[in-house]
C-alpha atoms as a PDB file:
ATOM      1  CA  MET A   1     222.189  59.226 -17.637  1.00  0.00           C
ATOM      2  CA  ASN A   2     219.176  60.913 -19.092  1.00  0.00           C
ATOM      3  CA  ASP A   3     219.204  64.716 -18.687  1.00  0.00           C
ATOM      4  CA  ASP A   4     215.520  64.545 -17.747  1.00  0.00           C
ATOM      5  CA  ASN A   5     216.590  63.053 -14.390  1.00  0.00           C
ATOM      6  CA  GLN A   6     217.656  66.507 -13.264  1.00  0.00           C
ATOM      7  CA  THR A   7     214.325  68.210 -13.799  1.00  0.00           C
ATOM      8  CA  THR A   8     211.591  65.600 -13.771  1.00  0.00           C
ATOM      9  CA  PRO A   9     209.888  64.685 -10.509  1.00  0.00           C
ATOM     10  CA  ALA A  10     211.525  61.876  -8.590  1.00  0.00           C
ATOM     11  CA  LYS A  11     209.865  58.510  -8.291  1.00  0.00           C
ATOM     12  CA  PRO A  12     207.521  58.375  -5.280  1.00  0.00           C
ATOM     13  CA  TRP A  13     209.914  56.081  -3.403  1.00  0.00           C
ATOM     14  CA  TRP A  14     212.768  58.570  -3.865  1.00  0.00           C
ATOM     15  CA  GLY A  15     211.205  61.524  -2.145  1.00  0.00           C
ATOM     16  CA  TYR A  16     208.261  63.826  -2.000  1.00  0.00           C
ATOM     17  CA  LYS A  17     205.930  64.176  -4.945  1.00  0.00           C
ATOM     18  CA  GLY A  18     207.124  66.967  -7.196  1.00  0.00           C
ATOM     19  CA  MET A  19     210.732  66.915  -5.971  1.00  0.00           C
ATOM     20  CA  SER A  20     213.240  66.449  -8.759  1.00  0.00           C
ATOM     21  CA  ALA A  21     215.793  63.679  -8.531  1.00  0.00           C
ATOM     22  CA  ILE A  22     218.603  66.241  -8.301  1.00  0.00           C
ATOM     23  CA  GLU A  23     216.867  68.053  -5.406  1.00  0.00           C
ATOM     24  CA  TYR A  24     216.430  64.746  -3.609  1.00  0.00           C
ATOM     25  CA  ALA A  25     220.091  63.823  -4.179  1.00  0.00           C
ATOM     26  CA  ALA A  26     221.293  67.266  -3.039  1.00  0.00           C
ATOM     27  CA  ILE A  27     219.352  66.987   0.215  1.00  0.00           C
ATOM     28  CA  HIS A  28     220.491  63.478   1.010  1.00  0.00           C
ATOM     29  CA  THR A  29     224.135  64.037   0.120  1.00  0.00           C
ATOM     30  CA  GLY A  30     224.321  67.477   1.729  1.00  0.00           C
ATOM     31  CA  GLN A  31     225.589  69.042  -1.474  1.00  0.00           C
ATOM     32  CA  PRO A  32     224.169  72.496  -2.345  1.00  0.00           C
ATOM     33  CA  CYS A  33     223.813  71.741  -6.047  1.00  0.00           C
ATOM     34  CA  SER A  34     220.071  71.288  -6.475  1.00  0.00           C
ATOM     35  CA  GLY A  35     219.668  74.302  -8.742  1.00  0.00           C
ATOM     36  CA  THR A  36     216.982  75.661  -6.400  1.00  0.00           C
ATOM     37  CA  PRO A  37     218.532  78.699  -4.645  1.00  0.00           C
ATOM     38  CA  TRP A  38     216.511  78.578  -1.409  1.00  0.00           C
ATOM     39  CA  LEU A  39     217.110  74.836  -1.044  1.00  0.00           C
ATOM     40  CA  ASP A  40     220.840  75.210  -1.665  1.00  0.00           C
ATOM     41  CA  GLU A  41     221.005  77.907   1.036  1.00  0.00           C
ATOM     42  CA  MET A  42     219.255  75.581   3.506  1.00  0.00           C
ATOM     43  CA  ILE A  43     221.711  72.799   2.657  1.00  0.00           C
ATOM     44  CA  ARG A  44     224.679  75.161   3.162  1.00  0.00           C
ATOM     45  CA  ALA A  45     223.332  76.308   6.549  1.00  0.00           C
ATOM     46  CA  GLN A  46     222.726  72.734   7.676  1.00  0.00           C
ATOM     47  CA  ARG A  47     226.198  71.665   6.542  1.00  0.00           C
ATOM     48  CA  ARG A  48     227.793  74.551   8.445  1.00  0.00           C
ATOM     49  CA  GLU A  49     225.864  73.683  11.615  1.00  0.00           C
ATOM     50  CA  ARG A  50     226.745  69.979  11.323  1.00  0.00           C
ATOM     51  CA  LEU A  51     230.443  70.679  10.767  1.00  0.00           C
ATOM     52  CA  ALA A  52     230.510  73.209  13.611  1.00  0.00           C
ATOM     53  CA  GLY A  53     228.984  70.592  15.920  1.00  0.00           C
ATOM     54  CA  GLN A  54     231.621  68.072  14.926  1.00  0.00           C
ATOM     55  CA  ALA A  55     234.367  70.667  15.383  1.00  0.00           C
ATOM     56  CA  LEU A  56     232.903  71.568  18.776  1.00  0.00           C
ATOM     57  CA  ALA A  57     233.257  67.953  19.890  1.00  0.00           C
ATOM     58  CA  GLY A  58     236.901  68.036  18.840  1.00  0.00           C
ATOM     59  CA  VAL A  59     237.560  71.346  20.570  1.00  0.00           C
ATOM     60  CA  LEU A  60     235.957  70.111  23.789  1.00  0.00           C
ATOM     61  CA  ALA A  61     237.908  66.845  23.606  1.00  0.00           C
ATOM     62  CA  GLY A  62     241.064  68.954  23.815  1.00  0.00           C
ATOM     63  CA  GLU A  63     239.857  70.347  27.160  1.00  0.00           C
ATOM     64  CA  PRO A  64     240.080  74.083  26.406  1.00  0.00           C
ATOM     65  CA  ILE A  65     240.790  75.095  30.003  1.00  0.00           C
ATOM     66  CA  GLY A  66     240.178  78.780  30.654  1.00  0.00           C
ATOM     67  CA  TRP A  67     238.132  79.332  27.512  1.00  0.00           C
ATOM     68  CA  THR A  68     234.712  80.892  27.783  1.00  0.00           C
ATOM     69  CA  GLU A  69     231.742  79.122  26.192  1.00  0.00           C
ATOM     70  CA  LYS A  70     231.648  81.872  23.581  1.00  0.00           C
ATOM     71  CA  GLU A  71     235.333  81.349  22.704  1.00  0.00           C
ATOM     72  CA  VAL A  72     234.793  77.595  22.371  1.00  0.00           C
ATOM     73  CA  ALA A  73     231.775  78.128  20.111  1.00  0.00           C
ATOM     74  CA  GLU A  74     233.561  80.723  17.973  1.00  0.00           C
ATOM     75  CA  ASP A  75     236.541  78.398  17.558  1.00  0.00           C
ATOM     76  CA  ALA A  76     234.287  75.538  16.442  1.00  0.00           C
ATOM     77  CA  ILE A  77     232.540  77.803  13.918  1.00  0.00           C
ATOM     78  CA  ALA A  78     235.894  79.037  12.617  1.00  0.00           C
ATOM     79  CA  HIS A  79     237.010  75.426  12.077  1.00  0.00           C
ATOM     80  CA  ALA A  80     233.757  74.636  10.244  1.00  0.00           C
ATOM     81  CA  ASP A  81     234.080  77.730   8.034  1.00  0.00           C
ATOM     82  CA  ALA A  82     237.708  76.882   7.241  1.00  0.00           C
ATOM     83  CA  LEU A  83     236.769  73.345   6.249  1.00  0.00           C
ATOM     84  CA  ILE A  84     233.921  74.563   4.045  1.00  0.00           C
ATOM     85  CA  ALA A  85     236.241  77.094   2.372  1.00  0.00           C
ATOM     86  CA  ALA A  86     238.846  74.401   1.740  1.00  0.00           C
ATOM     87  CA  LEU A  87     236.232  72.021   0.333  1.00  0.00           C
ATOM     88  CA  GLU A  88     234.977  74.748  -1.997  1.00  0.00           C
ATOM     89  CA  GLY A  89     238.481  75.373  -3.297  1.00  0.00           C
ATOM     90  CA  GLY A  90     239.397  78.468  -1.329  1.00  0.00           C
ATOM     91  CA  ALA A  91     241.393  79.100   1.774  1.00  0.00           C
ATOM     92  CA  LYS A  92     240.192  81.073   4.727  1.00  0.00           C
END
């Protein structure tokens, strides 16, 4: 792979004009490794929201009787944060 692929603009059919191939790949794979700090933060926030939504579906499937909506939401977010921490090599 040519190192220029990480910094040169992507081909027009890959993404928006001026977007590097690595930025395009980071967005479409959901990996915060574009090298652009603000973009990586957006990817991290989106990943957390997506994982929390998936965890919420699992929590609700278990019929959390007696839980408040806030408790259900907090539990889903905690599961998402734990998964992200584990994926990044740490434990939470």
